[in-house]
Amino acid sequence: MYTILKSVLILCVAVATLCVIPVHGAWADLDGSVPILCGIVSAAGCDSIDGCEASTADDLGLPQFFRIDFKAKKISALGLLEEGMKKETEIRSFERRDGMLILQGVDLRGWSMVITERIGKMTLTASGVEEAFVFFGACIIPQ
């Protein structure tokens, strides 16, 4: 029960935060030309023995919110981080294709992120040896 309430609370905070942040222009501006702000709404962790289980970004070691700077090729965590958690990670590959921004990198695990240019929906996956993580969220252009 506590896990469900925590997930609902995180979802409410994420949606409320994304709703009150002023947005520059239309969603179509998500083209990789300016930095963007992203928030993780839901997550799942999977392994080869137990399968997949719903979780939160915090439980899986990621910050709830992060900033993507395409020109600097960096993703930066926002807010307070747990001890030992990295503040930044490098974007090794970035491409625009068929209305999507596609980013990839390596940071303990290989990761890949897709953001729709039109509405800002975001999916992030990370995988390691016999484990995988999936995160869903949204991105905007902060003013």
N, C-alpha and C. Protein backbone atom coordinates (compact mmCIF):
# COMPACT_ATOMS: atom_id res chain seq x y z
N MET A 1 0.83 -1.19 0.00
CA MET A 1 0.00 0.00 0.00
C MET A 1 0.87 1.25 0.00
N TYR A 2 1.94 1.23 0.81
CA TYR A 2 2.84 2.38 0.88
C TYR A 2 3.46 2.67 -0.48
N THR A 3 3.84 1.64 -1.22
CA THR A 3 4.45 1.80 -2.54
C THR A 3 3.48 2.46 -3.50
N ILE A 4 2.22 2.07 -3.47
CA ILE A 4 1.21 2.66 -4.35
C ILE A 4 1.01 4.13 -4.00
N LEU A 5 0.89 4.45 -2.71
CA LEU A 5 0.71 5.84 -2.30
C LEU A 5 1.91 6.68 -2.69
N LYS A 6 3.12 6.14 -2.51
CA LYS A 6 4.34 6.86 -2.88
C LYS A 6 4.36 7.12 -4.38
N SER A 7 3.98 6.13 -5.19
CA SER A 7 3.96 6.29 -6.65
C SER A 7 2.94 7.34 -7.06
N VAL A 8 1.76 7.32 -6.44
CA VAL A 8 0.73 8.31 -6.75
C VAL A 8 1.20 9.71 -6.37
N LEU A 9 1.84 9.84 -5.22
CA LEU A 9 2.35 11.14 -4.78
C LEU A 9 3.41 11.66 -5.74
N ILE A 10 4.34 10.81 -6.14
CA ILE A 10 5.39 11.22 -7.08
C ILE A 10 4.77 11.64 -8.40
N LEU A 11 3.79 10.89 -8.89
CA LEU A 11 3.11 11.23 -10.13
C LEU A 11 2.44 12.60 -10.03
N CYS A 12 1.75 12.85 -8.92
CA CYS A 12 1.06 14.14 -8.72
C CYS A 12 2.05 15.29 -8.69
N VAL A 13 3.17 15.12 -7.98
CA VAL A 13 4.19 16.16 -7.91
C VAL A 13 4.79 16.42 -9.28
N ALA A 14 5.08 15.36 -10.02
CA ALA A 14 5.67 15.50 -11.36
C ALA A 14 4.72 16.24 -12.30
N VAL A 15 3.45 15.85 -12.31
CA VAL A 15 2.47 16.49 -13.18
C VAL A 15 2.28 17.94 -12.78
N ALA A 16 2.15 18.21 -11.49
CA ALA A 16 1.97 19.58 -11.02
C ALA A 16 3.17 20.45 -11.39
N THR A 17 4.37 19.92 -11.23
CA THR A 17 5.58 20.68 -11.55
C THR A 17 5.63 20.99 -13.04
N LEU A 18 5.36 20.01 -13.87
CA LEU A 18 5.41 20.23 -15.31
C LEU A 18 4.30 21.19 -15.77
N CYS A 19 3.20 21.25 -15.03
CA CYS A 19 2.10 22.14 -15.41
C CYS A 19 2.39 23.60 -15.04
N VAL A 20 3.14 23.85 -13.98
CA VAL A 20 3.36 25.23 -13.54
C VAL A 20 4.61 25.86 -14.12
N ILE A 21 5.48 25.09 -14.73
CA ILE A 21 6.69 25.65 -15.32
C ILE A 21 6.31 26.30 -16.65
N PRO A 22 6.66 27.59 -16.84
CA PRO A 22 6.34 28.24 -18.10
C PRO A 22 7.05 27.53 -19.26
N VAL A 23 6.35 27.41 -20.36
CA VAL A 23 6.91 26.73 -21.52
C VAL A 23 7.13 27.74 -22.63
N HIS A 24 8.29 27.67 -23.26
CA HIS A 24 8.63 28.54 -24.38
C HIS A 24 8.06 27.95 -25.66
N GLY A 25 7.18 28.67 -26.33
CA GLY A 25 6.67 28.24 -27.62
C GLY A 25 5.83 26.98 -27.55
N ALA A 26 5.74 26.29 -28.65
CA ALA A 26 4.94 25.07 -28.75
C ALA A 26 5.80 23.85 -28.48
N TRP A 27 5.13 22.70 -28.27
CA TRP A 27 5.84 21.44 -28.08
C TRP A 27 6.74 21.15 -29.27
N ALA A 28 6.36 21.63 -30.43
CA ALA A 28 7.13 21.36 -31.65
C ALA A 28 8.55 21.93 -31.55
N ASP A 29 8.80 22.82 -30.60
CA ASP A 29 10.14 23.39 -30.42
C ASP A 29 11.13 22.39 -29.84
N LEU A 30 10.68 21.21 -29.44
CA LEU A 30 11.59 20.20 -28.91
C LEU A 30 12.36 19.56 -30.05
N ASP A 31 13.37 20.28 -30.53
CA ASP A 31 14.13 19.81 -31.68
C ASP A 31 15.61 19.64 -31.39
N GLY A 32 16.00 19.80 -30.13
CA GLY A 32 17.40 19.64 -29.76
C GLY A 32 18.21 20.91 -29.91
N SER A 33 17.56 22.03 -30.23
CA SER A 33 18.30 23.27 -30.43
C SER A 33 18.54 24.05 -29.13
N VAL A 34 17.74 23.76 -28.09
CA VAL A 34 17.88 24.43 -26.80
C VAL A 34 17.78 23.40 -25.68
N PRO A 35 18.32 23.72 -24.50
CA PRO A 35 18.21 22.79 -23.37
C PRO A 35 16.76 22.56 -22.98
N ILE A 36 16.47 21.37 -22.45
CA ILE A 36 15.12 21.02 -22.02
C ILE A 36 15.15 20.45 -20.60
N LEU A 37 13.99 20.45 -19.98
CA LEU A 37 13.80 19.90 -18.64
C LEU A 37 12.91 18.67 -18.75
N CYS A 38 13.32 17.56 -18.13
CA CYS A 38 12.54 16.33 -18.18
C CYS A 38 12.21 15.84 -16.77
N GLY A 39 11.08 15.18 -16.65
CA GLY A 39 10.68 14.58 -15.39
C GLY A 39 10.25 13.13 -15.60
N ILE A 40 10.66 12.27 -14.70
CA ILE A 40 10.28 10.86 -14.77
C ILE A 40 8.99 10.67 -13.98
N VAL A 41 8.01 10.03 -14.63
CA VAL A 41 6.69 9.83 -14.01
C VAL A 41 6.54 8.41 -13.48
N SER A 42 7.00 7.42 -14.24
CA SER A 42 6.90 6.04 -13.78
C SER A 42 8.13 5.25 -14.23
N ALA A 43 8.36 4.12 -13.57
CA ALA A 43 9.56 3.33 -13.84
C ALA A 43 9.31 1.86 -13.55
N ALA A 44 10.19 1.03 -14.10
CA ALA A 44 10.17 -0.41 -13.81
C ALA A 44 11.60 -0.92 -13.86
N GLY A 45 11.89 -1.84 -12.96
CA GLY A 45 13.19 -2.51 -12.95
C GLY A 45 12.99 -3.98 -13.24
N CYS A 46 13.85 -4.56 -14.07
CA CYS A 46 13.70 -5.96 -14.46
C CYS A 46 15.03 -6.69 -14.28
N ASP A 47 14.93 -7.98 -13.94
CA ASP A 47 16.13 -8.82 -13.96
C ASP A 47 15.76 -10.19 -14.51
N SER A 48 16.77 -10.97 -14.83
CA SER A 48 16.54 -12.24 -15.52
C SER A 48 15.91 -13.30 -14.63
N ILE A 49 15.89 -13.11 -13.33
CA ILE A 49 15.32 -14.11 -12.42
C ILE A 49 13.90 -13.75 -12.00
N ASP A 50 13.70 -12.50 -11.53
CA ASP A 50 12.41 -12.10 -10.97
C ASP A 50 11.48 -11.40 -11.96
N GLY A 51 11.94 -11.11 -13.16
CA GLY A 51 11.10 -10.39 -14.12
C GLY A 51 11.10 -8.90 -13.83
N CYS A 52 9.99 -8.24 -14.10
CA CYS A 52 9.89 -6.77 -13.96
C CYS A 52 8.97 -6.39 -12.82
N GLU A 53 9.28 -5.26 -12.20
CA GLU A 53 8.48 -4.75 -11.09
C GLU A 53 8.40 -3.23 -11.19
N ALA A 54 7.19 -2.68 -11.02
CA ALA A 54 7.01 -1.23 -11.01
C ALA A 54 7.83 -0.61 -9.89
N SER A 55 8.36 0.57 -10.14
CA SER A 55 9.21 1.22 -9.16
C SER A 55 9.15 2.72 -9.36
N THR A 56 10.09 3.44 -8.76
CA THR A 56 10.22 4.88 -8.93
C THR A 56 11.63 5.20 -9.38
N ALA A 57 11.81 6.40 -9.91
CA ALA A 57 13.15 6.83 -10.32
C ALA A 57 14.09 6.82 -9.11
N ASP A 58 13.62 7.29 -7.99
CA ASP A 58 14.42 7.35 -6.78
C ASP A 58 14.86 5.96 -6.33
N ASP A 59 13.93 5.01 -6.33
CA ASP A 59 14.25 3.64 -5.93
C ASP A 59 15.28 3.00 -6.85
N LEU A 60 15.29 3.42 -8.13
CA LEU A 60 16.21 2.85 -9.11
C LEU A 60 17.47 3.68 -9.30
N GLY A 61 17.66 4.69 -8.45
CA GLY A 61 18.91 5.44 -8.46
C GLY A 61 19.00 6.58 -9.45
N LEU A 62 17.87 7.07 -9.96
CA LEU A 62 17.88 8.22 -10.85
C LEU A 62 17.16 9.38 -10.20
N PRO A 63 17.55 10.61 -10.56
CA PRO A 63 16.82 11.77 -10.04
C PRO A 63 15.45 11.88 -10.71
N GLN A 64 14.50 12.49 -10.03
CA GLN A 64 13.15 12.68 -10.58
C GLN A 64 13.17 13.63 -11.78
N PHE A 65 14.01 14.67 -11.70
CA PHE A 65 14.08 15.67 -12.75
C PHE A 65 15.51 15.83 -13.23
N PHE A 66 15.67 16.13 -14.53
CA PHE A 66 16.99 16.36 -15.08
C PHE A 66 16.91 17.31 -16.26
N ARG A 67 18.04 17.91 -16.58
CA ARG A 67 18.17 18.88 -17.67
C ARG A 67 19.02 18.26 -18.76
N ILE A 68 18.60 18.42 -20.01
CA ILE A 68 19.38 17.94 -21.14
C ILE A 68 19.89 19.14 -21.92
N ASP A 69 21.21 19.24 -22.05
CA ASP A 69 21.85 20.30 -22.83
C ASP A 69 22.46 19.62 -24.05
N PHE A 70 21.79 19.77 -25.19
CA PHE A 70 22.21 19.08 -26.41
C PHE A 70 23.55 19.59 -26.93
N LYS A 71 23.77 20.91 -26.84
CA LYS A 71 25.02 21.48 -27.36
C LYS A 71 26.22 21.04 -26.53
N ALA A 72 26.06 20.98 -25.21
CA ALA A 72 27.15 20.55 -24.32
C ALA A 72 27.24 19.02 -24.24
N LYS A 73 26.25 18.33 -24.81
CA LYS A 73 26.17 16.86 -24.76
C LYS A 73 26.21 16.34 -23.33
N LYS A 74 25.38 16.96 -22.47
CA LYS A 74 25.32 16.59 -21.05
C LYS A 74 23.88 16.47 -20.58
N ILE A 75 23.67 15.51 -19.68
CA ILE A 75 22.42 15.40 -18.93
C ILE A 75 22.78 15.64 -17.48
N SER A 76 22.10 16.60 -16.84
CA SER A 76 22.42 16.98 -15.47
C SER A 76 21.24 16.73 -14.54
N ALA A 77 21.51 16.08 -13.44
CA ALA A 77 20.48 15.84 -12.42
C ALA A 77 20.10 17.16 -11.76
N LEU A 78 18.83 17.32 -11.43
CA LEU A 78 18.35 18.51 -10.73
C LEU A 78 17.91 18.12 -9.33
N GLY A 79 18.13 19.01 -8.38
CA GLY A 79 17.73 18.73 -7.01
C GLY A 79 18.81 18.03 -6.23
N LEU A 80 18.45 17.61 -5.03
CA LEU A 80 19.40 16.93 -4.15
C LEU A 80 19.62 15.50 -4.62
N LEU A 81 20.85 15.04 -4.52
CA LEU A 81 21.19 13.69 -4.93
C LEU A 81 21.68 12.88 -3.74
N GLU A 82 21.47 11.58 -3.81
CA GLU A 82 22.01 10.70 -2.78
C GLU A 82 23.53 10.69 -2.88
N GLU A 83 24.17 10.43 -1.77
CA GLU A 83 25.62 10.37 -1.75
C GLU A 83 26.14 9.34 -2.76
N GLY A 84 27.14 9.74 -3.53
CA GLY A 84 27.73 8.86 -4.52
C GLY A 84 27.06 8.90 -5.89
N MET A 85 25.90 9.56 -5.99
CA MET A 85 25.20 9.64 -7.27
C MET A 85 25.86 10.71 -8.14
N LYS A 86 26.09 10.38 -9.42
CA LYS A 86 26.70 11.33 -10.35
C LYS A 86 25.73 12.45 -10.69
N LYS A 87 26.28 13.66 -10.81
CA LYS A 87 25.49 14.84 -11.15
C LYS A 87 25.24 14.93 -12.65
N GLU A 88 26.19 14.44 -13.47
CA GLU A 88 26.08 14.56 -14.92
C GLU A 88 26.45 13.26 -15.62
N THR A 89 25.93 13.12 -16.82
CA THR A 89 26.35 12.03 -17.70
C THR A 89 26.48 12.59 -19.11
N GLU A 90 27.36 11.99 -19.88
CA GLU A 90 27.64 12.45 -21.24
C GLU A 90 26.69 11.80 -22.24
N ILE A 91 26.22 12.60 -23.19
CA ILE A 91 25.44 12.09 -24.32
C ILE A 91 26.46 11.72 -25.40
N ARG A 92 26.60 10.46 -25.70
CA ARG A 92 27.58 10.03 -26.72
C ARG A 92 27.02 10.10 -28.13
N SER A 93 25.69 9.97 -28.26
CA SER A 93 25.07 9.99 -29.58
C SER A 93 23.75 10.74 -29.49
N PHE A 94 23.50 11.62 -30.47
CA PHE A 94 22.23 12.35 -30.55
C PHE A 94 21.82 12.45 -32.01
N GLU A 95 20.55 12.11 -32.26
CA GLU A 95 20.04 12.13 -33.63
C GLU A 95 18.57 12.50 -33.63
N ARG A 96 18.15 13.25 -34.65
CA ARG A 96 16.73 13.53 -34.88
C ARG A 96 16.26 12.63 -36.00
N ARG A 97 15.16 11.91 -35.77
CA ARG A 97 14.65 11.03 -36.80
C ARG A 97 13.15 10.83 -36.62
N ASP A 98 12.41 11.04 -37.69
CA ASP A 98 10.96 10.77 -37.72
C ASP A 98 10.22 11.39 -36.54
N GLY A 99 10.51 12.64 -36.23
CA GLY A 99 9.81 13.33 -35.15
C GLY A 99 10.26 12.95 -33.75
N MET A 100 11.41 12.31 -33.66
CA MET A 100 11.93 11.89 -32.35
C MET A 100 13.35 12.41 -32.15
N LEU A 101 13.68 12.70 -30.90
CA LEU A 101 15.06 12.97 -30.49
C LEU A 101 15.56 11.67 -29.88
N ILE A 102 16.67 11.16 -30.38
CA ILE A 102 17.20 9.88 -29.90
C ILE A 102 18.58 10.13 -29.32
N LEU A 103 18.75 9.81 -28.03
CA LEU A 103 20.01 10.02 -27.32
C LEU A 103 20.51 8.68 -26.80
N GLN A 104 21.83 8.52 -26.76
CA GLN A 104 22.41 7.30 -26.22
C GLN A 104 23.69 7.62 -25.47
N GLY A 105 24.02 6.76 -24.51
CA GLY A 105 25.25 6.93 -23.76
C GLY A 105 25.56 5.72 -22.90
N VAL A 106 26.61 5.87 -22.11
CA VAL A 106 27.05 4.80 -21.21
C VAL A 106 27.38 5.44 -19.88
N ASP A 107 26.81 4.90 -18.80
CA ASP A 107 27.12 5.36 -17.45
C ASP A 107 26.77 4.21 -16.51
N LEU A 108 27.72 3.37 -16.22
CA LEU A 108 27.54 2.12 -15.49
C LEU A 108 26.81 1.08 -16.33
N ARG A 109 25.85 1.51 -17.13
CA ARG A 109 25.09 0.67 -18.04
C ARG A 109 24.92 1.42 -19.36
N GLY A 110 24.57 0.69 -20.41
CA GLY A 110 24.22 1.38 -21.64
C GLY A 110 22.81 1.94 -21.51
N TRP A 111 22.58 3.14 -22.05
CA TRP A 111 21.25 3.73 -21.97
C TRP A 111 20.85 4.35 -23.30
N SER A 112 19.54 4.46 -23.50
CA SER A 112 18.98 5.06 -24.70
C SER A 112 17.71 5.81 -24.31
N MET A 113 17.53 6.99 -24.89
CA MET A 113 16.36 7.82 -24.58
C MET A 113 15.72 8.28 -25.88
N VAL A 114 14.38 8.27 -25.91
CA VAL A 114 13.63 8.78 -27.05
C VAL A 114 12.65 9.82 -26.53
N ILE A 115 12.62 10.99 -27.18
CA ILE A 115 11.70 12.07 -26.82
C ILE A 115 10.95 12.46 -28.08
N THR A 116 9.62 12.50 -28.01
CA THR A 116 8.85 12.93 -29.18
C THR A 116 8.93 14.44 -29.28
N GLU A 117 9.24 14.93 -30.47
CA GLU A 117 9.37 16.38 -30.67
C GLU A 117 8.03 17.09 -30.50
N ARG A 118 6.96 16.46 -30.96
CA ARG A 118 5.66 17.12 -30.98
C ARG A 118 5.04 17.32 -29.60
N ILE A 119 5.12 16.32 -28.72
CA ILE A 119 4.44 16.45 -27.43
C ILE A 119 5.34 16.24 -26.22
N GLY A 120 6.61 15.92 -26.44
CA GLY A 120 7.55 15.83 -25.33
C GLY A 120 7.52 14.55 -24.51
N LYS A 121 6.81 13.53 -24.95
CA LYS A 121 6.82 12.25 -24.22
C LYS A 121 8.22 11.66 -24.26
N MET A 122 8.66 11.06 -23.15
CA MET A 122 10.02 10.57 -23.03
C MET A 122 10.03 9.13 -22.52
N THR A 123 10.88 8.30 -23.13
CA THR A 123 11.13 6.95 -22.64
C THR A 123 12.63 6.78 -22.55
N LEU A 124 13.08 6.31 -21.40
CA LEU A 124 14.51 6.07 -21.14
C LEU A 124 14.67 4.61 -20.75
N THR A 125 15.62 3.94 -21.39
CA THR A 125 15.93 2.56 -21.01
C THR A 125 17.41 2.46 -20.68
N ALA A 126 17.73 1.60 -19.74
CA ALA A 126 19.13 1.33 -19.38
C ALA A 126 19.25 -0.17 -19.16
N SER A 127 20.36 -0.74 -19.62
CA SER A 127 20.53 -2.17 -19.45
C SER A 127 21.95 -2.52 -19.07
N GLY A 128 22.05 -3.57 -18.28
CA GLY A 128 23.34 -4.10 -17.86
C GLY A 128 23.29 -5.61 -18.00
N VAL A 129 24.15 -6.29 -17.29
CA VAL A 129 24.18 -7.75 -17.35
C VAL A 129 22.96 -8.29 -16.59
N GLU A 130 22.08 -8.96 -17.31
CA GLU A 130 20.87 -9.58 -16.77
C GLU A 130 19.96 -8.62 -16.00
N GLU A 131 19.96 -7.35 -16.41
CA GLU A 131 19.07 -6.36 -15.78
C GLU A 131 18.71 -5.28 -16.80
N ALA A 132 17.54 -4.69 -16.61
CA ALA A 132 17.09 -3.61 -17.47
C ALA A 132 16.16 -2.70 -16.67
N PHE A 133 16.14 -1.44 -17.07
CA PHE A 133 15.31 -0.45 -16.40
C PHE A 133 14.60 0.38 -17.46
N VAL A 134 13.33 0.71 -17.19
CA VAL A 134 12.55 1.51 -18.12
C VAL A 134 11.93 2.67 -17.33
N PHE A 135 12.05 3.88 -17.89
CA PHE A 135 11.51 5.07 -17.26
C PHE A 135 10.65 5.81 -18.28
N PHE A 136 9.47 6.29 -17.84
CA PHE A 136 8.58 7.05 -18.70
C PHE A 136 8.39 8.43 -18.09
N GLY A 137 8.30 9.45 -18.95
CA GLY A 137 8.11 10.80 -18.44
C GLY A 137 7.81 11.76 -19.55
N ALA A 138 8.14 13.03 -19.32
CA ALA A 138 7.86 14.08 -20.29
C ALA A 138 8.93 15.16 -20.18
N CYS A 139 9.11 15.89 -21.27
CA CYS A 139 10.11 16.97 -21.33
C CYS A 139 9.47 18.24 -21.85
N ILE A 140 9.98 19.38 -21.38
CA ILE A 140 9.52 20.70 -21.83
C ILE A 140 10.73 21.61 -22.01
N ILE A 141 10.48 22.75 -22.64
CA ILE A 141 11.49 23.80 -22.76
C ILE A 141 11.18 24.83 -21.68
N PRO A 142 12.02 24.93 -20.63
CA PRO A 142 11.75 25.92 -19.59
C PRO A 142 12.05 27.32 -20.09
N GLN A 143 11.33 28.28 -19.58
CA GLN A 143 11.55 29.68 -19.96
C GLN A 143 12.63 30.30 -19.14
